[in-house]
Amino acid sequence: MGNGLSEKHGQALVKAARRTIEDKLSVKKEGSETDDAALSDPVMQEKHGVFVTLTINGQLRGCIGYLEGREPVVDAVRHNAANAAFGDPRFPPLKASELEDLDIEVSILTDPKVLEYRDSSDLLAKLAPGIDGVIIRSGLSSATFLPQVWEQLPGKEEFLSHLCLKAGLPSNAWAKGTLEVLTYRVRYFEERKE
């Protein structure tokens, strides 16, 4: 994917996300020390789009991020971890009692690229399920699904219909061929349970 993030960097970012949430809850867990050497690596100063996804028992508990690189990756992970835990309007703020069951995933995005398409069938043909993250825009309405969402919505039509609804558009807006569509790829890191 072009960015130089190794699995070690990814695990350091996931730990930094957990530590940020623990600090906000004033909880200190054993083994949640961050890997300061990996976090201070120059690659962590690169700017990429970043999402932090929180789940409990496989159910979404918060997901917040940036599509474009606004700040160094390590800072973006910390900000989005706090926002996913305490600022996602779809969920109440995370409680300390939920930490034990919380799973954290950090997604590092490539820069979104415009997907040129002629009509709805061309759009469907050009999408790569499980690989493409998709952004749709129409006027002031926009929404994105990370590639991981394909696991819940594997059909291209269903995926696009849900994405349109998320953007506040009619579910069939994608079929009209008038949406601006961008795609991106993701390198994601899941927490390793000890």
Protein backbone atom coordinates (compact mmCIF):
# COMPACT_ATOMS: atom_id res chain seq x y z
CA MET A 1 0.00 0.00 0.00
CA GLY A 2 2.89 2.37 -0.16
CA ASN A 3 2.85 3.43 3.46
CA GLY A 4 5.68 1.95 5.47
CA LEU A 5 3.62 0.76 8.41
CA SER A 6 4.63 -2.70 9.59
CA GLU A 7 2.57 -5.04 11.76
CA LYS A 8 4.67 -3.80 14.71
CA HIS A 9 3.67 -0.19 13.94
CA GLY A 10 0.04 -1.26 13.60
CA GLN A 11 0.06 -3.02 16.97
CA ALA A 12 1.66 0.07 18.54
CA LEU A 13 -1.16 2.20 17.09
CA VAL A 14 -3.85 -0.16 18.41
CA LYS A 15 -2.24 -0.07 21.87
CA ALA A 16 -2.06 3.74 21.69
CA ALA A 17 -5.79 3.78 20.88
CA ARG A 18 -6.60 1.57 23.89
CA ARG A 19 -4.33 3.58 26.17
CA THR A 20 -6.03 6.83 25.07
CA ILE A 21 -9.45 5.39 25.95
CA GLU A 22 -8.17 4.05 29.29
CA ASP A 23 -6.65 7.42 30.15
CA LYS A 24 -9.94 9.21 29.42
CA LEU A 25 -11.71 6.74 31.71
CA SER A 26 -8.92 7.07 34.34
CA VAL A 27 -8.31 3.31 34.15
CA LYS A 28 -4.85 1.76 34.03
CA LYS A 29 -4.68 -1.87 32.91
CA GLU A 30 -1.69 -4.16 33.20
CA GLY A 31 0.05 -4.71 29.88
CA SER A 32 -1.39 -1.61 28.21
CA GLU A 33 1.94 0.18 27.98
CA THR A 34 2.54 1.76 24.59
CA ASP A 35 5.49 0.89 22.36
CA ASP A 36 7.15 4.30 22.45
CA ALA A 37 9.96 3.27 20.09
CA ALA A 38 7.50 2.22 17.38
CA LEU A 39 5.31 5.30 18.00
CA SER A 40 8.29 7.65 17.54
CA ASP A 41 9.31 6.06 14.23
CA PRO A 42 9.27 8.68 11.41
CA VAL A 43 6.60 6.66 9.56
CA MET A 44 4.19 7.59 12.37
CA GLN A 45 4.53 11.26 11.37
CA GLU A 46 3.10 10.60 7.90
CA LYS A 47 -0.41 11.86 7.26
CA HIS A 48 -3.03 9.34 6.17
CA GLY A 49 -6.75 8.97 6.57
CA VAL A 50 -7.41 7.04 9.77
CA PHE A 51 -10.47 5.35 11.27
CA VAL A 52 -10.76 3.73 14.69
CA THR A 53 -13.50 1.10 15.00
CA LEU A 54 -14.68 -0.21 18.37
CA THR A 55 -16.71 -3.40 18.72
CA ILE A 56 -18.05 -5.42 21.63
CA ASN A 57 -18.87 -9.07 20.95
CA GLY A 58 -18.77 -8.37 17.22
CA GLN A 59 -21.27 -5.48 17.46
CA LEU A 60 -20.27 -1.95 16.45
CA ARG A 61 -19.72 0.29 19.49
CA GLY A 62 -18.19 3.32 17.76
CA CYS A 63 -16.38 4.27 14.58
CA ILE A 64 -14.90 7.69 13.84
CA GLY A 65 -12.18 8.81 11.49
CA TYR A 66 -10.78 11.05 8.79
CA LEU A 67 -10.84 10.20 5.08
CA GLU A 68 -7.79 12.35 4.34
CA GLY A 69 -4.56 12.80 6.26
CA ARG A 70 -4.98 15.82 8.56
CA GLU A 71 -2.30 15.11 11.15
CA PRO A 72 0.40 12.53 11.89
CA VAL A 73 -0.99 8.99 12.01
CA VAL A 74 -0.23 8.51 15.71
CA ASP A 75 -2.11 11.72 16.64
CA ALA A 76 -5.02 10.83 14.35
CA VAL A 77 -5.34 7.42 16.01
CA ARG A 78 -5.43 8.98 19.49
CA HIS A 79 -8.01 11.61 18.50
CA ASN A 80 -10.24 9.15 16.66
CA ALA A 81 -10.01 6.55 19.45
CA ALA A 82 -11.32 9.13 21.94
CA ASN A 83 -14.01 10.28 19.50
CA ALA A 84 -15.12 6.71 18.70
CA ALA A 85 -15.36 5.87 22.41
CA PHE A 86 -16.99 9.05 23.65
CA GLY A 87 -18.20 11.11 20.70
CA ASP A 88 -19.92 8.80 18.22
CA PRO A 89 -23.48 10.19 18.19
CA ARG A 90 -24.92 6.72 17.50
CA PHE A 91 -23.84 5.41 20.90
CA PRO A 92 -23.67 6.52 24.53
CA PRO A 93 -20.16 7.25 25.82
CA LEU A 94 -18.13 4.14 26.58
CA LYS A 95 -18.06 3.04 30.22
CA ALA A 96 -15.09 1.56 32.07
CA SER A 97 -17.09 -1.65 32.58
CA GLU A 98 -17.07 -2.18 28.79
CA LEU A 99 -13.28 -2.08 28.41
CA GLU A 100 -12.83 -5.77 29.12
CA ASP A 101 -14.93 -6.80 26.11
CA LEU A 102 -13.84 -3.96 23.81
CA ASP A 103 -12.08 -4.81 20.55
CA ILE A 104 -10.20 -2.06 18.72
CA GLU A 105 -9.34 -1.88 15.04
CA VAL A 106 -7.24 0.85 13.43
CA SER A 107 -7.64 1.45 9.68
CA ILE A 108 -5.04 3.39 7.69
CA LEU A 109 -6.41 4.63 4.36
CA THR A 110 -4.87 5.36 0.98
CA ASP A 111 -5.86 8.70 -0.54
CA PRO A 112 -9.37 8.43 -2.04
CA LYS A 113 -9.49 8.41 -5.86
CA VAL A 114 -12.45 9.35 -8.03
CA LEU A 115 -14.06 6.32 -9.67
CA GLU A 116 -15.12 7.20 -13.21
CA TYR A 117 -18.20 5.28 -14.33
CA ARG A 118 -20.79 5.57 -17.11
CA ASP A 119 -23.92 4.20 -15.44
CA SER A 120 -25.07 1.99 -12.58
CA SER A 121 -23.99 -1.29 -14.22
CA ASP A 122 -20.53 0.16 -14.94
CA LEU A 123 -20.32 1.29 -11.30
CA LEU A 124 -21.21 -2.20 -10.07
CA ALA A 125 -18.64 -3.76 -12.42
CA LYS A 126 -15.85 -1.50 -11.15
CA LEU A 127 -16.34 -2.06 -7.41
CA ALA A 128 -14.11 -4.59 -5.65
CA PRO A 129 -16.01 -6.09 -2.68
CA GLY A 130 -13.90 -6.59 0.42
CA ILE A 131 -11.12 -4.42 -1.03
CA ASP A 132 -12.61 -1.02 -1.84
CA GLY A 133 -13.68 1.49 0.75
CA VAL A 134 -16.32 3.64 -0.92
CA ILE A 135 -17.25 7.30 -0.54
CA ILE A 136 -20.37 8.71 -2.18
CA ARG A 137 -21.21 12.38 -2.56
CA SER A 138 -24.24 14.21 -3.89
CA GLY A 139 -24.56 17.91 -3.14
CA LEU A 140 -24.06 18.33 0.61
CA SER A 141 -24.73 14.65 1.29
CA SER A 142 -21.85 12.22 1.68
CA ALA A 143 -21.01 8.96 3.43
CA THR A 144 -18.38 6.25 3.46
CA PHE A 145 -18.12 2.57 4.26
CA LEU A 146 -14.76 1.02 5.08
CA PRO A 147 -13.92 -2.18 3.15
CA GLN A 148 -14.72 -4.20 6.28
CA VAL A 149 -18.43 -3.33 5.81
CA TRP A 150 -18.51 -5.69 2.81
CA GLU A 151 -18.49 -8.53 5.39
CA GLN A 152 -21.99 -7.47 6.55
CA LEU A 153 -23.21 -6.28 3.12
CA PRO A 154 -21.52 -8.49 0.51
CA GLY A 155 -23.90 -7.69 -2.37
CA LYS A 156 -22.86 -4.63 -4.37
CA GLU A 157 -26.42 -3.30 -4.73
CA GLU A 158 -27.14 -3.81 -1.02
CA PHE A 159 -23.83 -2.20 -0.06
CA LEU A 160 -24.52 0.88 -2.20
CA SER A 161 -28.15 1.12 -1.06
CA HIS A 162 -27.12 1.16 2.62
CA LEU A 163 -24.39 3.68 1.86
CA CYS A 164 -26.94 5.97 0.17
CA LEU A 165 -29.22 5.71 3.22
CA LYS A 166 -26.26 6.53 5.48
CA ALA A 167 -25.72 9.70 3.41
CA GLY A 168 -29.39 10.64 3.81
CA LEU A 169 -30.16 9.87 0.16
CA PRO A 170 -32.81 7.54 -1.30
CA SER A 171 -31.53 3.95 -1.25
CA ASN A 172 -31.61 3.80 -5.05
CA ALA A 173 -29.66 7.04 -5.60
CA TRP A 174 -26.63 5.00 -6.73
CA ALA A 175 -28.64 3.50 -9.60
CA LYS A 176 -29.30 6.91 -11.17
CA GLY A 177 -25.60 7.29 -12.13
CA THR A 178 -25.30 10.84 -10.76
CA LEU A 179 -23.31 10.28 -7.57
CA GLU A 180 -19.67 11.20 -7.21
CA VAL A 181 -17.96 7.98 -6.15
CA LEU A 182 -14.47 7.67 -4.70
CA THR A 183 -12.67 4.53 -3.60
CA TYR A 184 -9.75 3.87 -1.29
CA ARG A 185 -7.91 0.91 0.15
CA VAL A 186 -7.26 0.18 3.79
CA ARG A 187 -4.53 -1.44 5.81
CA TYR A 188 -6.10 -2.41 9.09
CA PHE A 189 -4.73 -3.66 12.37
CA GLU A 190 -6.69 -5.56 14.98
CA GLU A 191 -5.80 -5.87 18.60
CA ARG A 192 -3.92 -9.01 19.50
CA LYS A 193 -5.38 -10.59 22.62
CA GLU A 194 -2.70 -11.84 24.95
